Amino acid sequence: MEKRNEIVELSFEFAIKIIAYSELLEENKKFVIARQILKSGTSIGANVRESQSAESKADFIHKLKIAHKEAEETQYWLLLCEKASSYPSPPEQMKTALLSVQKLLSKIISTSKSK
């Protein structure tokens, strides 16, 4: 049986949520922010996935740091949508999912650096 990889699963599930939210933004004709959120939000999981076949420990950490930066950018766009009165607010579960991804990324990066 294959071992469960929590960060891969969480970042993938988050990307699915981001796709749905970006589609909602597009329905509301918020195309620019929808594209930004779609790019940064799905990039998190793409970089996490890429880290799984890193060439070295340094490469692994680098890819996860990129994922973490994308998560920070996504958090910015979501906060912007939340505060802008003309935008549909992001679902609370999506913000919670992002926070879980960010915390886990930070922990993995920190642990990997200390080894």
C-alpha atoms as a PDB file:
ATOM      1  CA  MET A   1       0.000   0.000   0.000  1.00  0.00           C
ATOM      2  CA  GLU A   2       1.299   3.438  -0.957  1.00  0.00           C
ATOM      3  CA  LYS A   3       1.972   5.859   1.883  1.00  0.00           C
ATOM      4  CA  ARG A   4      -0.366   8.860   2.084  1.00  0.00           C
ATOM      5  CA  ASN A   5       1.268  12.181   1.176  1.00  0.00           C
ATOM      6  CA  GLU A   6      -0.733  14.812   3.015  1.00  0.00           C
ATOM      7  CA  ILE A   7       0.755  17.917   1.366  1.00  0.00           C
ATOM      8  CA  VAL A   8       0.207  16.504  -2.122  1.00  0.00           C
ATOM      9  CA  GLU A   9      -3.415  15.684  -1.256  1.00  0.00           C
ATOM     10  CA  LEU A  10      -4.161  18.986   0.506  1.00  0.00           C
ATOM     11  CA  SER A  11      -2.651  21.136  -2.228  1.00  0.00           C
ATOM     12  CA  PHE A  12      -4.541  19.202  -4.917  1.00  0.00           C
ATOM     13  CA  GLU A  13      -7.850  19.526  -3.045  1.00  0.00           C
ATOM     14  CA  PHE A  14      -7.160  23.234  -2.584  1.00  0.00           C
ATOM     15  CA  ALA A  15      -6.556  23.617  -6.339  1.00  0.00           C
ATOM     16  CA  ILE A  16      -9.988  22.113  -7.002  1.00  0.00           C
ATOM     17  CA  LYS A  17     -11.541  24.695  -4.659  1.00  0.00           C
ATOM     18  CA  ILE A  18      -9.609  27.483  -6.396  1.00  0.00           C
ATOM     19  CA  ILE A  19     -10.873  26.382  -9.807  1.00  0.00           C
ATOM     20  CA  ALA A  20     -14.468  26.545  -8.569  1.00  0.00           C
ATOM     21  CA  TYR A  21     -13.937  29.972  -6.991  1.00  0.00           C
ATOM     22  CA  SER A  22     -12.214  31.387 -10.090  1.00  0.00           C
ATOM     23  CA  GLU A  23     -15.172  30.184 -12.163  1.00  0.00           C
ATOM     24  CA  LEU A  24     -17.499  32.043  -9.775  1.00  0.00           C
ATOM     25  CA  LEU A  25     -15.393  35.172 -10.221  1.00  0.00           C
ATOM     26  CA  GLU A  26     -15.577  34.807 -14.010  1.00  0.00           C
ATOM     27  CA  GLU A  27     -19.375  34.445 -13.809  1.00  0.00           C
ATOM     28  CA  ASN A  28     -19.294  37.802 -12.014  1.00  0.00           C
ATOM     29  CA  LYS A  29     -17.060  39.232 -14.759  1.00  0.00           C
ATOM     30  CA  LYS A  30     -14.042  39.574 -12.449  1.00  0.00           C
ATOM     31  CA  PHE A  31     -11.718  38.139 -15.072  1.00  0.00           C
ATOM     32  CA  VAL A  32      -8.363  39.656 -14.066  1.00  0.00           C
ATOM     33  CA  ILE A  33      -8.480  38.538 -10.427  1.00  0.00           C
ATOM     34  CA  ALA A  34     -10.004  35.194 -11.469  1.00  0.00           C
ATOM     35  CA  ARG A  35      -6.942  34.486 -13.633  1.00  0.00           C
ATOM     36  CA  GLN A  36      -4.516  35.612 -10.929  1.00  0.00           C
ATOM     37  CA  ILE A  37      -6.152  33.382  -8.309  1.00  0.00           C
ATOM     38  CA  LEU A  38      -6.345  30.471 -10.708  1.00  0.00           C
ATOM     39  CA  LYS A  39      -2.644  30.748 -11.565  1.00  0.00           C
ATOM     40  CA  SER A  40      -1.275  31.190  -8.057  1.00  0.00           C
ATOM     41  CA  GLY A  41      -3.749  28.820  -6.389  1.00  0.00           C
ATOM     42  CA  THR A  42      -3.113  25.912  -8.735  1.00  0.00           C
ATOM     43  CA  SER A  43       0.624  26.592  -8.835  1.00  0.00           C
ATOM     44  CA  ILE A  44       0.870  25.611  -5.163  1.00  0.00           C
ATOM     45  CA  GLY A  45      -0.031  22.007  -5.912  1.00  0.00           C
ATOM     46  CA  ALA A  46       1.985  21.943  -9.123  1.00  0.00           C
ATOM     47  CA  ASN A  47       5.144  22.942  -7.247  1.00  0.00           C
ATOM     48  CA  VAL A  48       4.418  20.502  -4.416  1.00  0.00           C
ATOM     49  CA  ARG A  49       3.972  17.742  -6.983  1.00  0.00           C
ATOM     50  CA  GLU A  50       7.181  18.745  -8.735  1.00  0.00           C
ATOM     51  CA  SER A  51       9.053  18.638  -5.398  1.00  0.00           C
ATOM     52  CA  GLN A  52       8.208  14.955  -5.127  1.00  0.00           C
ATOM     53  CA  SER A  53      10.726  14.182  -7.847  1.00  0.00           C
ATOM     54  CA  ALA A  54      13.347  16.731  -6.823  1.00  0.00           C
ATOM     55  CA  GLU A  55      16.932  16.054  -7.802  1.00  0.00           C
ATOM     56  CA  SER A  56      18.314  16.889  -4.358  1.00  0.00           C
ATOM     57  CA  LYS A  57      17.282  17.992  -0.879  1.00  0.00           C
ATOM     58  CA  ALA A  58      18.080  21.593  -1.852  1.00  0.00           C
ATOM     59  CA  ASP A  59      15.881  21.263  -4.955  1.00  0.00           C
ATOM     60  CA  PHE A  60      13.081  19.758  -2.817  1.00  0.00           C
ATOM     61  CA  ILE A  61      13.225  22.673  -0.367  1.00  0.00           C
ATOM     62  CA  HIS A  62      13.408  25.215  -3.214  1.00  0.00           C
ATOM     63  CA  LYS A  63      10.280  23.849  -4.894  1.00  0.00           C
ATOM     64  CA  LEU A  64       8.377  23.862  -1.602  1.00  0.00           C
ATOM     65  CA  LYS A  65       9.484  27.453  -0.978  1.00  0.00           C
ATOM     66  CA  ILE A  66       8.044  28.391  -4.369  1.00  0.00           C
ATOM     67  CA  ALA A  67       4.798  26.633  -3.402  1.00  0.00           C
ATOM     68  CA  HIS A  68       4.776  28.600  -0.148  1.00  0.00           C
ATOM     69  CA  LYS A  69       5.263  31.890  -2.034  1.00  0.00           C
ATOM     70  CA  GLU A  70       2.374  30.988  -4.336  1.00  0.00           C
ATOM     71  CA  ALA A  71       0.251  30.273  -1.258  1.00  0.00           C
ATOM     72  CA  GLU A  72       1.098  33.731   0.114  1.00  0.00           C
ATOM     73  CA  GLU A  73       0.126  35.320  -3.203  1.00  0.00           C
ATOM     74  CA  THR A  74      -3.123  33.367  -3.267  1.00  0.00           C
ATOM     75  CA  GLN A  75      -3.879  34.495   0.279  1.00  0.00           C
ATOM     76  CA  TYR A  76      -3.415  38.098  -0.883  1.00  0.00           C
ATOM     77  CA  TRP A  77      -5.868  37.714  -3.785  1.00  0.00           C
ATOM     78  CA  LEU A  78      -8.427  36.013  -1.543  1.00  0.00           C
ATOM     79  CA  LEU A  79      -8.139  38.782   1.042  1.00  0.00           C
ATOM     80  CA  LEU A  80      -8.576  41.347  -1.704  1.00  0.00           C
ATOM     81  CA  CYS A  81     -11.764  39.605  -2.861  1.00  0.00           C
ATOM     82  CA  GLU A  82     -13.008  39.375   0.698  1.00  0.00           C
ATOM     83  CA  LYS A  83     -12.510  43.099   1.321  1.00  0.00           C
ATOM     84  CA  ALA A  84     -13.731  44.407  -2.050  1.00  0.00           C
ATOM     85  CA  SER A  85     -17.471  44.932  -1.772  1.00  0.00           C
ATOM     86  CA  SER A  86     -18.101  44.208  -5.460  1.00  0.00           C
ATOM     87  CA  TYR A  87     -16.496  40.744  -5.299  1.00  0.00           C
ATOM     88  CA  PRO A  88     -18.022  37.488  -4.072  1.00  0.00           C
ATOM     89  CA  SER A  89     -16.315  36.537  -0.800  1.00  0.00           C
ATOM     90  CA  PRO A  90     -14.224  33.395  -0.856  1.00  0.00           C
ATOM     91  CA  PRO A  91     -15.769  30.477   1.056  1.00  0.00           C
ATOM     92  CA  GLU A  92     -14.500  30.103   4.628  1.00  0.00           C
ATOM     93  CA  GLN A  93     -13.544  26.463   3.981  1.00  0.00           C
ATOM     94  CA  MET A  94     -11.238  27.582   1.183  1.00  0.00           C
ATOM     95  CA  LYS A  95      -9.435  30.061   3.435  1.00  0.00           C
ATOM     96  CA  THR A  96      -9.130  27.341   6.093  1.00  0.00           C
ATOM     97  CA  ALA A  97      -7.767  24.884   3.517  1.00  0.00           C
ATOM     98  CA  LEU A  98      -5.166  27.436   2.398  1.00  0.00           C
ATOM     99  CA  LEU A  99      -4.069  28.008   5.985  1.00  0.00           C
ATOM    100  CA  SER A 100      -3.636  24.234   6.442  1.00  0.00           C
ATOM    101  CA  VAL A 101      -1.507  24.056   3.285  1.00  0.00           C
ATOM    102  CA  GLN A 102       0.613  27.018   4.417  1.00  0.00           C
ATOM    103  CA  LYS A 103       1.219  25.564   7.879  1.00  0.00           C
ATOM    104  CA  LEU A 104       2.140  22.157   6.504  1.00  0.00           C
ATOM    105  CA  LEU A 105       4.472  23.664   3.893  1.00  0.00           C
ATOM    106  CA  SER A 106       6.208  25.716   6.579  1.00  0.00           C
ATOM    107  CA  LYS A 107       6.637  22.663   8.771  1.00  0.00           C
ATOM    108  CA  ILE A 108       8.006  20.500   5.936  1.00  0.00           C
ATOM    109  CA  ILE A 109      10.435  23.243   4.850  1.00  0.00           C
ATOM    110  CA  SER A 110      11.619  23.822   8.399  1.00  0.00           C
ATOM    111  CA  THR A 111      12.052  20.097   9.107  1.00  0.00           C
ATOM    112  CA  SER A 112      13.836  19.514   5.810  1.00  0.00           C
ATOM    113  CA  LYS A 113      16.281  22.342   6.468  1.00  0.00           C
ATOM    114  CA  SER A 114      17.155  21.022   9.930  1.00  0.00           C
ATOM    115  CA  LYS A 115      17.997  17.507   8.712  1.00  0.00           C
END
